[in-house]
Amino acid sequence: MLKETAQVAPAEVAGADGQELCGVVVHRKGATPAGAGVLGIIPGSMATPGFVVSGKGNLESLNSASHGAGRAMSRKAANEKFNWKEVNRFLKQQGVTLISAGLDEVPMAYKNIRDVMASQKDLVTVLGEFMPKLVKMAPSGERPED
């Protein structure tokens, strides 16, 4: 099993104490690679900007950055708080066409992506910004990937 893991998660140079450690496997859950010069995309929500970034290679973060805005509330709380009439009105105002999603994924269920990006300016350089216009997520009732 370890052999398979090494093939899926290649060894990286990383060190939390500032020293390089060779052959360390970094498993990222809720993070994106941000080694020096590594390109990535950090999305906001279905109606907030996403960012094209270049990693700065910060070893204290294990060459990682956030992989998105992050949830501001649980899926259950979002399902209980929001309704499609209000959400669809908001998405239309933002110029977003929604193909499918559950209420647990609405933009208001996520943190402010600009605050998130500001808090990791030592991890990535923003190269570009884009707004979503067409969104397809797991339909309501289907298990999301996470």
Protein backbone atom coordinates (compact mmCIF):
# COMPACT_ATOMS: atom_id res chain seq x y z
CA MET A 1 0.00 0.00 0.00
CA LEU A 2 2.81 2.41 0.79
CA LYS A 3 4.26 1.79 -2.67
CA GLU A 4 0.93 2.76 -4.29
CA THR A 5 0.66 5.87 -2.12
CA ALA A 6 4.15 6.98 -3.16
CA GLN A 7 3.10 6.69 -6.81
CA VAL A 8 -0.04 8.78 -6.27
CA ALA A 9 1.53 11.33 -3.90
CA PRO A 10 5.09 11.98 -5.07
CA ALA A 11 7.74 12.87 -2.52
CA GLU A 12 8.31 16.58 -2.08
CA VAL A 13 10.88 18.79 -0.43
CA ALA A 14 9.21 20.25 2.65
CA GLY A 15 10.07 21.43 6.11
CA ALA A 16 7.95 23.11 8.76
CA ASP A 17 11.02 24.28 10.66
CA GLY A 18 12.64 25.91 7.63
CA GLN A 19 14.96 22.96 6.98
CA GLU A 20 14.50 20.91 3.88
CA LEU A 21 13.28 17.36 4.35
CA CYS A 22 13.69 15.11 1.32
CA GLY A 23 11.30 12.32 0.49
CA VAL A 24 8.37 13.63 2.53
CA VAL A 25 4.91 12.80 1.22
CA VAL A 26 2.54 15.74 1.68
CA HIS A 27 -1.14 14.76 1.60
CA ARG A 28 -3.25 17.86 1.01
CA LYS A 29 -6.90 17.86 2.06
CA GLY A 30 -8.30 21.36 1.78
CA ALA A 31 -5.07 22.72 0.30
CA THR A 32 -3.40 23.20 -3.07
CA PRO A 33 0.28 22.87 -3.98
CA ALA A 34 2.09 26.23 -3.75
CA GLY A 35 5.75 25.42 -4.25
CA ALA A 36 7.90 28.17 -5.77
CA GLY A 37 6.55 28.90 -9.26
CA VAL A 38 3.85 26.20 -9.11
CA LEU A 39 0.71 27.43 -10.89
CA GLY A 40 -2.71 26.83 -9.42
CA ILE A 41 -6.33 27.96 -9.29
CA ILE A 42 -8.01 28.98 -6.05
CA PRO A 43 -11.79 29.29 -6.53
CA GLY A 44 -14.17 31.36 -4.46
CA SER A 45 -17.78 30.24 -4.77
CA MET A 46 -20.20 29.91 -7.66
CA ALA A 47 -20.63 33.70 -7.70
CA THR A 48 -17.34 35.09 -6.40
CA PRO A 49 -13.95 35.35 -8.10
CA GLY A 50 -11.45 32.59 -8.61
CA PHE A 51 -7.74 33.32 -8.76
CA VAL A 52 -4.89 32.04 -10.91
CA VAL A 53 -1.87 31.91 -8.62
CA SER A 54 1.82 31.11 -8.52
CA GLY A 55 3.20 29.53 -5.37
CA LYS A 56 5.92 31.27 -3.37
CA GLY A 57 7.39 28.08 -1.90
CA ASN A 58 6.73 28.87 1.75
CA LEU A 59 8.14 25.87 3.63
CA GLU A 60 6.28 26.79 6.83
CA SER A 61 3.04 25.97 5.00
CA LEU A 62 4.57 22.82 3.46
CA ASN A 63 4.46 24.59 0.07
CA SER A 64 0.66 24.67 0.30
CA ALA A 65 -2.15 27.24 0.14
CA SER A 66 -5.92 27.06 0.56
CA HIS A 67 -7.82 25.35 -2.24
CA GLY A 68 -10.78 27.71 -2.04
CA ALA A 69 -12.78 30.11 0.06
CA GLY A 70 -13.70 27.50 2.67
CA ARG A 71 -17.09 27.00 4.26
CA ALA A 72 -18.52 29.66 6.55
CA MET A 73 -21.27 27.28 7.69
CA SER A 74 -22.01 23.59 7.60
CA ARG A 75 -23.88 21.96 4.74
CA LYS A 76 -26.81 21.28 7.06
CA ALA A 77 -26.98 24.91 8.20
CA ALA A 78 -26.88 26.15 4.60
CA ASN A 79 -29.69 23.78 3.58
CA GLU A 80 -31.81 25.06 6.46
CA LYS A 81 -31.04 28.76 5.97
CA PHE A 82 -31.30 29.37 2.21
CA ASN A 83 -33.97 28.89 -0.42
CA TRP A 84 -33.72 28.64 -4.20
CA LYS A 85 -35.90 31.66 -4.93
CA GLU A 86 -33.46 34.02 -3.16
CA VAL A 87 -30.36 32.23 -4.40
CA ASN A 88 -31.48 32.18 -8.04
CA ARG A 89 -32.25 35.90 -7.85
CA PHE A 90 -28.76 36.56 -6.48
CA LEU A 91 -27.08 34.36 -9.11
CA LYS A 92 -28.98 36.10 -11.90
CA GLN A 93 -27.82 39.50 -10.57
CA GLN A 94 -24.24 38.17 -10.67
CA GLY A 95 -24.63 36.92 -14.25
CA VAL A 96 -24.22 33.26 -13.28
CA THR A 97 -26.08 30.45 -15.03
CA LEU A 98 -26.55 27.49 -12.70
CA ILE A 99 -26.88 24.03 -14.24
CA SER A 100 -27.08 22.14 -10.95
CA ALA A 101 -26.09 22.39 -7.29
CA GLY A 102 -27.48 21.84 -3.84
CA LEU A 103 -28.39 24.62 -1.41
CA ASP A 104 -25.40 23.55 0.66
CA GLU A 105 -23.12 25.00 -2.06
CA VAL A 106 -24.63 28.48 -2.41
CA PRO A 107 -22.20 31.43 -2.34
CA MET A 108 -23.46 32.67 1.03
CA ALA A 109 -22.30 29.42 2.67
CA TYR A 110 -18.66 30.30 1.99
CA LYS A 111 -16.09 32.65 3.50
CA ASN A 112 -15.16 35.88 1.76
CA ILE A 113 -12.59 34.81 -0.84
CA ARG A 114 -10.85 38.20 -0.81
CA ASP A 115 -10.22 37.85 2.94
CA VAL A 116 -8.91 34.32 2.38
CA MET A 117 -6.56 35.49 -0.39
CA ALA A 118 -5.31 38.39 1.73
CA SER A 119 -4.48 36.01 4.56
CA GLN A 120 -2.26 33.89 2.31
CA LYS A 121 -0.34 36.59 0.44
CA ASP A 122 2.86 35.08 1.84
CA LEU A 123 1.97 31.75 0.16
CA VAL A 124 0.92 32.73 -3.38
CA THR A 125 1.17 35.54 -5.91
CA VAL A 126 -2.08 36.33 -7.70
CA LEU A 127 -1.54 36.31 -11.47
CA GLY A 128 -5.15 36.72 -12.55
CA GLU A 129 -8.76 36.78 -11.43
CA PHE A 130 -11.88 35.44 -13.11
CA MET A 131 -15.61 35.33 -12.42
CA PRO A 132 -17.67 32.17 -12.89
CA LYS A 133 -20.44 32.42 -15.47
CA LEU A 134 -21.59 28.79 -15.80
CA VAL A 135 -21.73 26.46 -12.78
CA LYS A 136 -22.28 22.69 -12.59
CA MET A 137 -22.00 21.06 -9.17
CA ALA A 138 -23.38 17.87 -7.65
CA PRO A 139 -27.18 18.09 -7.92
CA SER A 140 -29.21 18.40 -4.74
CA GLY A 141 -29.38 15.06 -3.00
CA GLU A 142 -26.21 13.67 -4.58
CA ARG A 143 -23.15 13.15 -2.42
CA PRO A 144 -20.55 15.88 -3.03
CA GLU A 145 -16.99 14.81 -3.76
CA ASP A 146 -15.72 15.85 -0.33
